[in-house]
Amino acid sequence: MLETAQDYYARLLAATDGEGRLPALAEDALSGWDIFPYEQDTLVVRPLAPLADVEAPRWGEDPRQCWCTDPRSAIERAVWRNERWVVVPETESPVLPVWLVLMPLEHHDLGDLPPELAAELGVLLVALAAAVESLPSVGRAHVNRWGDGGAHLHLQFLGRPARVGQLRGSCLPDWVEHLPPVPDGIVRENLAEVMDRFVAVVGGQVQRSGPGSPGSAPASSDAPTDR
């Protein structure tokens, strides 16, 4: 019989101390790596919260309440689109050289993506990652999907800054909370370069005027993101 959520949680609870906290990290754990943003001696693990009765609802779980019922605002903010997909900047004040979100225009999550969209997603993912990594200020494109905040599929492409060793790896989303914003002019130049390379491979339409386009300062999307 497969393990239940209650069984898994019971094992976690058994590992806690008298205050309900899980053990502190060992020296060779992630907190001891040079990419971890915080000093290990200052960390305190939060007490384990009770097991929830159900999974927390996500924004857009009901397709009738999702932004895709009226996608005009997302399309207006897009830096690229075709008939099935749209790419928007993640935020209006990015702290990375480039930070983009790829979403289908129709309401789907990753697990129910139709085969034709799934096949196209593979092509778009590879091309967009390569375009992001073409920037001289980017060392790697981090491609992330958490999916706990919004029910509509959104894949994030984070341009990890080149040669800043502490920003490597899985701790980048923690570091971004502390980084200064990238100047608007650099954001626009980076977006234009990435989109030119992207559209050369996959086609579609690069939007160069209006909010959030390579020709103007980017704006955030109404679509939820979770980091």
Protein backbone atom coordinates (compact mmCIF):
# COMPACT_ATOMS: atom_id res chain seq x y z
CA MET A 1 0.00 0.00 0.00
CA LEU A 2 1.33 3.44 -0.92
CA GLU A 3 2.26 5.79 1.88
CA THR A 4 -0.39 8.37 2.78
CA ALA A 5 0.13 12.05 3.61
CA GLN A 6 -0.69 11.22 7.24
CA ASP A 7 1.99 8.52 7.33
CA TYR A 8 4.61 10.83 5.85
CA TYR A 9 3.72 13.62 8.27
CA ALA A 10 3.85 11.23 11.24
CA ARG A 11 7.43 10.37 10.33
CA LEU A 12 8.30 14.07 10.17
CA LEU A 13 6.68 14.70 13.54
CA ALA A 14 8.62 11.83 15.10
CA ALA A 15 11.86 13.54 14.04
CA THR A 16 11.08 16.84 15.81
CA ASP A 17 12.35 18.00 19.19
CA GLY A 18 10.36 19.13 22.22
CA GLU A 19 9.51 22.43 20.49
CA GLY A 20 8.29 20.69 17.35
CA ARG A 21 11.37 21.67 15.32
CA LEU A 22 13.11 19.41 12.84
CA PRO A 23 16.87 18.92 13.38
CA ALA A 24 19.25 21.71 12.43
CA LEU A 25 21.23 21.15 9.27
CA ALA A 26 24.53 19.30 9.43
CA GLU A 27 27.78 21.01 8.46
CA ASP A 28 27.85 19.18 5.12
CA ALA A 29 24.22 20.02 4.31
CA LEU A 30 23.01 22.82 2.04
CA SER A 31 23.45 25.47 4.73
CA GLY A 32 27.18 24.74 4.71
CA TRP A 33 27.54 25.29 0.96
CA ASP A 34 29.03 28.52 -0.36
CA ILE A 35 25.83 29.22 -2.35
CA PHE A 36 23.63 29.32 0.79
CA PRO A 37 22.65 32.96 1.50
CA TYR A 38 22.63 32.80 5.29
CA GLU A 39 25.17 32.01 7.99
CA GLN A 40 24.46 28.65 9.54
CA ASP A 41 24.87 29.76 13.17
CA THR A 42 22.02 32.28 12.84
CA LEU A 43 19.44 29.80 11.51
CA VAL A 44 16.52 28.46 13.53
CA VAL A 45 14.17 25.92 11.97
CA ARG A 46 10.52 26.87 12.38
CA PRO A 47 8.31 24.46 14.33
CA LEU A 48 6.51 21.97 12.12
CA ALA A 49 2.98 23.18 11.37
CA PRO A 50 0.01 20.80 11.72
CA LEU A 51 -0.89 18.66 8.72
CA ALA A 52 -3.48 20.49 6.60
CA ASP A 53 -6.85 18.89 6.04
CA VAL A 54 -6.54 19.49 2.28
CA GLU A 55 -4.10 21.04 -0.16
CA ALA A 56 -4.21 24.85 -0.12
CA PRO A 57 -6.27 26.21 -3.05
CA ARG A 58 -4.31 27.77 -5.89
CA TRP A 59 -5.19 30.95 -7.74
CA GLY A 60 -7.09 30.01 -10.92
CA GLU A 61 -8.02 26.51 -9.76
CA ASP A 62 -11.45 27.25 -11.18
CA PRO A 63 -10.76 27.99 -14.88
CA ARG A 64 -13.55 30.58 -14.84
CA GLN A 65 -11.50 32.65 -12.40
CA CYS A 66 -8.20 32.31 -14.24
CA TRP A 67 -6.59 35.21 -16.12
CA CYS A 68 -6.80 33.15 -19.33
CA THR A 69 -10.55 33.72 -19.58
CA ASP A 70 -9.60 37.22 -20.76
CA PRO A 71 -5.94 37.00 -21.81
CA ARG A 72 -5.76 40.49 -23.29
CA SER A 73 -3.84 41.97 -20.35
CA ALA A 74 -1.22 39.22 -20.47
CA ILE A 75 -0.93 39.57 -24.25
CA GLU A 76 -0.49 43.33 -23.93
CA ARG A 77 2.35 42.82 -21.44
CA ALA A 78 3.95 40.02 -23.41
CA VAL A 79 7.41 40.23 -24.92
CA TRP A 80 6.61 37.28 -27.23
CA ARG A 81 3.57 35.30 -28.27
CA ASN A 82 2.20 32.88 -30.81
CA GLU A 83 -1.28 31.38 -31.14
CA ARG A 84 -0.82 29.07 -28.16
CA TRP A 85 1.84 30.50 -25.83
CA VAL A 86 2.92 33.80 -24.31
CA VAL A 87 6.14 35.00 -22.63
CA VAL A 88 5.90 37.81 -20.06
CA PRO A 89 8.47 39.43 -17.75
CA GLU A 90 8.20 38.07 -14.21
CA THR A 91 8.33 41.48 -12.55
CA GLU A 92 8.48 45.16 -13.34
CA SER A 93 11.70 45.53 -11.30
CA PRO A 94 13.87 42.50 -12.11
CA VAL A 95 16.97 41.87 -10.05
CA LEU A 96 18.42 39.40 -12.57
CA PRO A 97 19.69 40.14 -16.11
CA VAL A 98 16.49 38.56 -17.42
CA TRP A 99 13.55 36.81 -15.73
CA LEU A 100 10.74 35.50 -17.93
CA VAL A 101 7.59 33.40 -17.56
CA LEU A 102 6.30 31.07 -20.30
CA MET A 103 2.57 30.22 -20.16
CA PRO A 104 -0.01 28.58 -22.44
CA LEU A 105 -2.90 30.82 -23.44
CA GLU A 106 -5.41 28.04 -22.77
CA HIS A 107 -5.98 26.86 -19.21
CA HIS A 108 -3.69 23.90 -18.53
CA ASP A 109 -1.35 22.74 -15.81
CA LEU A 110 1.72 20.65 -16.50
CA GLY A 111 0.01 17.36 -15.74
CA ASP A 112 -2.88 17.88 -18.16
CA LEU A 113 -1.03 19.54 -21.04
CA PRO A 114 -2.30 18.04 -24.32
CA PRO A 115 0.28 16.09 -26.36
CA GLU A 116 0.56 18.75 -29.07
CA LEU A 117 1.24 21.50 -26.51
CA ALA A 118 3.59 19.23 -24.57
CA ALA A 119 5.61 18.63 -27.73
CA GLU A 120 5.76 22.34 -28.49
CA LEU A 121 6.72 23.11 -24.89
CA GLY A 122 9.88 21.07 -25.31
CA VAL A 123 10.94 23.15 -28.30
CA LEU A 124 10.07 26.45 -26.60
CA LEU A 125 11.85 25.47 -23.40
CA VAL A 126 15.10 24.61 -25.15
CA ALA A 127 15.03 27.70 -27.38
CA LEU A 128 14.20 30.14 -24.57
CA ALA A 129 16.83 28.70 -22.25
CA ALA A 130 19.44 29.01 -25.02
CA ALA A 131 18.38 32.60 -25.72
CA VAL A 132 18.66 33.54 -22.05
CA GLU A 133 22.12 31.95 -21.85
CA SER A 134 23.28 33.98 -24.85
CA LEU A 135 23.52 37.11 -22.68
CA PRO A 136 27.10 37.85 -21.60
CA SER A 137 25.86 38.65 -18.08
CA VAL A 138 24.15 35.25 -17.71
CA GLY A 139 25.99 32.11 -16.68
CA ARG A 140 23.04 29.73 -16.77
CA ALA A 141 19.30 29.69 -17.39
CA HIS A 142 17.44 28.25 -14.41
CA VAL A 143 14.10 26.77 -15.48
CA ASN A 144 11.66 26.39 -12.59
CA ARG A 145 8.12 25.19 -12.10
CA TRP A 146 6.72 25.11 -8.57
CA GLY A 147 3.01 25.36 -9.32
CA ASP A 148 1.85 25.87 -5.73
CA GLY A 149 0.64 29.43 -6.18
CA GLY A 150 -1.21 29.30 -9.49
CA ALA A 151 -3.08 26.49 -11.21
CA HIS A 152 -2.29 27.81 -14.70
CA LEU A 153 1.02 26.41 -15.95
CA HIS A 154 3.81 28.97 -15.70
CA LEU A 155 7.47 28.12 -16.22
CA GLN A 156 10.02 30.60 -14.96
CA PHE A 157 13.32 31.29 -16.73
CA LEU A 158 15.81 32.96 -14.42
CA GLY A 159 19.01 34.28 -15.95
CA ARG A 160 21.54 33.40 -13.27
CA PRO A 161 24.24 36.10 -13.24
CA ALA A 162 27.57 34.95 -14.65
CA ARG A 163 30.64 34.48 -12.44
CA VAL A 164 28.82 35.38 -9.19
CA GLY A 165 29.57 32.05 -7.59
CA GLN A 166 27.22 32.38 -4.61
CA LEU A 167 24.20 32.71 -6.93
CA ARG A 168 24.71 29.26 -8.45
CA GLY A 169 22.29 26.42 -7.85
CA SER A 170 19.00 26.02 -6.06
CA CYS A 171 19.47 28.95 -3.66
CA LEU A 172 19.07 31.61 -6.39
CA PRO A 173 15.36 32.22 -5.53
CA ASP A 174 16.48 33.01 -1.96
CA TRP A 175 19.21 35.37 -3.11
CA VAL A 176 16.84 37.37 -5.35
CA GLU A 177 15.10 38.73 -2.25
CA HIS A 178 18.28 40.65 -1.46
CA LEU A 179 19.58 41.77 -4.88
CA PRO A 180 19.24 45.35 -6.20
CA PRO A 181 17.09 45.97 -9.30
CA VAL A 182 18.64 45.99 -12.77
CA PRO A 183 18.44 49.44 -14.48
CA ASP A 184 15.55 49.78 -16.93
CA GLY A 185 17.76 50.42 -19.95
CA ILE A 186 19.73 47.22 -19.37
CA VAL A 187 16.49 45.28 -18.87
CA ARG A 188 15.19 46.50 -22.23
CA GLU A 189 18.43 45.68 -24.06
CA ASN A 190 18.57 42.20 -22.54
CA LEU A 191 14.93 41.48 -23.39
CA ALA A 192 15.42 42.62 -26.97
CA GLU A 193 18.47 40.39 -27.43
CA VAL A 194 16.81 37.34 -25.88
CA MET A 195 13.60 37.74 -27.86
CA ASP A 196 15.43 38.24 -31.16
CA ARG A 197 17.30 34.97 -30.64
CA PHE A 198 14.18 33.17 -29.45
CA VAL A 199 11.96 34.19 -32.37
CA ALA A 200 14.69 33.28 -34.86
CA VAL A 201 14.31 29.67 -33.70
CA VAL A 202 10.61 29.26 -32.89
CA GLY A 203 8.91 32.03 -34.87
CA GLY A 204 5.99 33.84 -33.32
CA GLN A 205 5.68 37.54 -32.66
CA VAL A 206 8.04 39.74 -30.67
CA GLN A 207 6.21 42.72 -29.19
CA ARG A 208 8.33 45.84 -29.22
CA SER A 209 5.87 48.46 -28.04
CA GLY A 210 3.53 48.69 -25.11
CA PRO A 211 4.02 47.72 -21.47
CA GLY A 212 6.34 44.86 -20.75
CA SER A 213 7.86 44.67 -24.22
CA PRO A 214 11.52 44.77 -25.26
CA GLY A 215 10.89 48.34 -26.41
CA SER A 216 9.71 49.63 -23.03
CA ALA A 217 10.04 48.99 -19.34
CA PRO A 218 8.57 45.60 -18.43
CA ALA A 219 5.49 45.23 -16.29
CA SER A 220 4.34 42.42 -14.06
CA SER A 221 1.63 39.98 -15.12
CA ASP A 222 -1.65 39.41 -13.32
CA ALA A 223 -0.89 35.72 -13.59
CA PRO A 224 0.40 34.41 -10.25
CA THR A 225 3.96 33.32 -9.77
CA ASP A 226 5.47 31.30 -6.96
CA ARG A 227 9.16 31.07 -6.26
